[in-house]
Amino acid sequence: MQIDIQAKGVELTEQLQTLIFQKLGTDINKFLKNFDDDIKKAEVRIEAAQRWGYKVSFSMLLPKKEHIYAEEKNKNLDTAINSLKDVVQKEIRNYKDKLQNY
C-alpha cells in the first residue's frame, strides 16, 4: 500500500513513518487483499496543536467512487494512530459488505 504522509507542526521522523506504515499500511492492506495494487493509495495527515494534542486523518479512494475518510484526535500520537486504524478497518469492512450485497 502506498501512503502519502503530510505533517504539520510535527517532525516526520523515521520512527513515526515506520509506525504509520506498520499500523495503517500493513494492517489495513490485509483488508484490501483482493484489490489491485494501483488502487491502494492513501493519504495520512498529522497535525499538532497546543490545546488537544494531535489530529490524524486518513483518506483513500476505492472503486465505485467510494471515499474512505477517518479522523482521530488524541493527546498521544500513537494512540491516535491506533484508534484511526480501527476506524478505517471498520469503514473498509462496511464497504466490502456493501459490495457483496450488490
C-alpha atoms as a PDB file:
ATOM      1  CA  MET A   1       0.000   0.000   0.000  1.00  0.00           C
ATOM      2  CA  GLN A   2       1.303   3.437  -0.935  1.00  0.00           C
ATOM      3  CA  ILE A   3       0.846   6.087   1.751  1.00  0.00           C
ATOM      4  CA  ASP A   4       1.493   9.795   1.299  1.00  0.00           C
ATOM      5  CA  ILE A   5       2.245  11.341   4.716  1.00  0.00           C
ATOM      6  CA  GLN A   6       1.851  15.048   5.361  1.00  0.00           C
ATOM      7  CA  ALA A   7       2.871  16.505   8.709  1.00  0.00           C
ATOM      8  CA  LYS A   8       2.053  19.959  10.027  1.00  0.00           C
ATOM      9  CA  GLY A   9       3.681  21.016  13.283  1.00  0.00           C
ATOM     10  CA  VAL A  10       5.132  17.527  13.772  1.00  0.00           C
ATOM     11  CA  GLU A  11       8.592  16.312  12.840  1.00  0.00           C
ATOM     12  CA  LEU A  12       8.220  13.385  10.460  1.00  0.00           C
ATOM     13  CA  THR A  13      10.882  11.090  11.898  1.00  0.00           C
ATOM     14  CA  GLU A  14      11.849   7.650  10.632  1.00  0.00           C
ATOM     15  CA  GLN A  15      10.210   6.109  13.719  1.00  0.00           C
ATOM     16  CA  LEU A  16       6.924   7.934  13.041  1.00  0.00           C
ATOM     17  CA  GLN A  17       6.954   6.887   9.386  1.00  0.00           C
ATOM     18  CA  THR A  18       7.577   3.265  10.401  1.00  0.00           C
ATOM     19  CA  LEU A  19       4.678   3.395  12.873  1.00  0.00           C
ATOM     20  CA  ILE A  20       2.314   4.782  10.245  1.00  0.00           C
ATOM     21  CA  PHE A  21       3.350   2.261   7.595  1.00  0.00           C
ATOM     22  CA  GLN A  22       3.062  -0.579  10.101  1.00  0.00           C
ATOM     23  CA  LYS A  23      -0.294   0.368  11.603  1.00  0.00           C
ATOM     24  CA  LEU A  24      -2.047   1.994   8.667  1.00  0.00           C
ATOM     25  CA  GLY A  25      -0.219   0.394   5.766  1.00  0.00           C
ATOM     26  CA  THR A  26       0.373  -3.228   6.663  1.00  0.00           C
ATOM     27  CA  ASP A  27      -2.668  -3.786   8.885  1.00  0.00           C
ATOM     28  CA  ILE A  28      -5.132  -2.120   6.507  1.00  0.00           C
ATOM     29  CA  ASN A  29      -3.564  -3.776   3.464  1.00  0.00           C
ATOM     30  CA  LYS A  30      -4.753  -7.116   4.873  1.00  0.00           C
ATOM     31  CA  PHE A  31      -8.336  -5.928   4.375  1.00  0.00           C
ATOM     32  CA  LEU A  32      -7.602  -4.992   0.751  1.00  0.00           C
ATOM     33  CA  LYS A  33      -6.071  -8.256  -0.487  1.00  0.00           C
ATOM     34  CA  ASN A  34      -8.461  -8.608  -3.432  1.00  0.00           C
ATOM     35  CA  PHE A  35      -7.871  -5.102  -4.782  1.00  0.00           C
ATOM     36  CA  ASP A  36      -5.262  -4.111  -7.366  1.00  0.00           C
ATOM     37  CA  ASP A  37      -2.067  -2.522  -6.084  1.00  0.00           C
ATOM     38  CA  ASP A  38      -2.605   0.670  -8.120  1.00  0.00           C
ATOM     39  CA  ILE A  39      -5.823   1.311  -6.158  1.00  0.00           C
ATOM     40  CA  LYS A  40      -4.145   1.006  -2.772  1.00  0.00           C
ATOM     41  CA  LYS A  41      -3.140   4.640  -2.312  1.00  0.00           C
ATOM     42  CA  ALA A  42      -3.888   6.616   0.823  1.00  0.00           C
ATOM     43  CA  GLU A  43      -3.112   9.968   2.327  1.00  0.00           C
ATOM     44  CA  VAL A  44      -2.363  10.472   6.018  1.00  0.00           C
ATOM     45  CA  ARG A  45      -2.240  13.922   7.584  1.00  0.00           C
ATOM     46  CA  ILE A  46      -0.850  14.639  11.025  1.00  0.00           C
ATOM     47  CA  GLU A  47      -1.369  17.972  12.726  1.00  0.00           C
ATOM     48  CA  ALA A  48      -0.187  19.129  16.129  1.00  0.00           C
ATOM     49  CA  ALA A  49      -1.873  21.750  18.277  1.00  0.00           C
ATOM     50  CA  GLN A  50      -1.249  23.036  21.757  1.00  0.00           C
ATOM     51  CA  ARG A  51      -4.756  22.505  23.091  1.00  0.00           C
ATOM     52  CA  TRP A  52      -5.800  18.983  22.149  1.00  0.00           C
ATOM     53  CA  GLY A  53      -2.629  17.206  21.107  1.00  0.00           C
ATOM     54  CA  TYR A  54      -2.700  15.584  17.676  1.00  0.00           C
ATOM     55  CA  LYS A  55      -5.173  15.151  14.854  1.00  0.00           C
ATOM     56  CA  VAL A  56      -4.530  12.303  12.427  1.00  0.00           C
ATOM     57  CA  SER A  57      -6.669  11.817   9.324  1.00  0.00           C
ATOM     58  CA  PHE A  58      -6.775   9.056   6.711  1.00  0.00           C
ATOM     59  CA  SER A  59      -8.186   9.422   3.206  1.00  0.00           C
ATOM     60  CA  MET A  60      -8.466   6.770   0.490  1.00  0.00           C
ATOM     61  CA  LEU A  61     -10.437   6.346  -2.730  1.00  0.00           C
ATOM     62  CA  LEU A  62     -11.740   2.886  -3.575  1.00  0.00           C
ATOM     63  CA  PRO A  63     -13.578   1.532  -6.634  1.00  0.00           C
ATOM     64  CA  LYS A  64     -17.192   2.570  -7.272  1.00  0.00           C
ATOM     65  CA  LYS A  65     -16.275   6.101  -6.183  1.00  0.00           C
ATOM     66  CA  GLU A  66     -16.167   5.180  -2.508  1.00  0.00           C
ATOM     67  CA  HIS A  67     -14.207   7.579  -0.326  1.00  0.00           C
ATOM     68  CA  ILE A  68     -12.888   6.225   2.966  1.00  0.00           C
ATOM     69  CA  TYR A  69     -12.158   9.036   5.395  1.00  0.00           C
ATOM     70  CA  ALA A  70     -11.456   8.876   9.106  1.00  0.00           C
ATOM     71  CA  GLU A  71     -10.089  11.311  11.634  1.00  0.00           C
ATOM     72  CA  GLU A  72      -8.951  10.878  15.223  1.00  0.00           C
ATOM     73  CA  LYS A  73      -7.803  13.336  17.876  1.00  0.00           C
ATOM     74  CA  ASN A  74      -5.800  12.426  20.943  1.00  0.00           C
ATOM     75  CA  LYS A  75      -3.145  13.847  23.229  1.00  0.00           C
ATOM     76  CA  ASN A  76      -0.909  10.869  22.397  1.00  0.00           C
ATOM     77  CA  LEU A  77       0.104  10.428  18.748  1.00  0.00           C
ATOM     78  CA  ASP A  78       0.484   6.628  18.987  1.00  0.00           C
ATOM     79  CA  THR A  79      -2.996   6.290  20.481  1.00  0.00           C
ATOM     80  CA  ALA A  80      -4.478   8.493  17.761  1.00  0.00           C
ATOM     81  CA  ILE A  81      -2.888   6.332  15.039  1.00  0.00           C
ATOM     82  CA  ASN A  82      -4.112   3.086  16.657  1.00  0.00           C
ATOM     83  CA  SER A  83      -7.646   4.457  17.031  1.00  0.00           C
ATOM     84  CA  LEU A  84      -7.574   5.649  13.438  1.00  0.00           C
ATOM     85  CA  LYS A  85      -6.559   2.179  12.264  1.00  0.00           C
ATOM     86  CA  ASP A  86      -9.601   0.655  13.985  1.00  0.00           C
ATOM     87  CA  VAL A  87     -11.977   3.200  12.452  1.00  0.00           C
ATOM     88  CA  VAL A  88     -10.532   2.725   8.948  1.00  0.00           C
ATOM     89  CA  GLN A  89     -10.764  -1.062   9.217  1.00  0.00           C
ATOM     90  CA  LYS A  90     -14.432  -0.736  10.177  1.00  0.00           C
ATOM     91  CA  GLU A  91     -15.093   1.572   7.207  1.00  0.00           C
ATOM     92  CA  ILE A  92     -13.407  -0.868   4.803  1.00  0.00           C
ATOM     93  CA  ARG A  93     -15.423  -3.782   6.249  1.00  0.00           C
ATOM     94  CA  ASN A  94     -18.630  -1.806   5.667  1.00  0.00           C
ATOM     95  CA  TYR A  95     -17.528  -1.034   2.109  1.00  0.00           C
ATOM     96  CA  LYS A  96     -16.758  -4.683   1.366  1.00  0.00           C
ATOM     97  CA  ASP A  97     -20.122  -5.760   2.853  1.00  0.00           C
ATOM     98  CA  LYS A  98     -21.860  -3.240   0.620  1.00  0.00           C
ATOM     99  CA  LEU A  99     -20.029  -4.643  -2.428  1.00  0.00           C
ATOM    100  CA  GLN A 100     -21.059  -8.207  -1.577  1.00  0.00           C
ATOM    101  CA  ASN A 101     -24.701  -7.191  -1.244  1.00  0.00           C
ATOM    102  CA  TYR A 102     -24.818  -5.896  -4.847  1.00  0.00           C
END
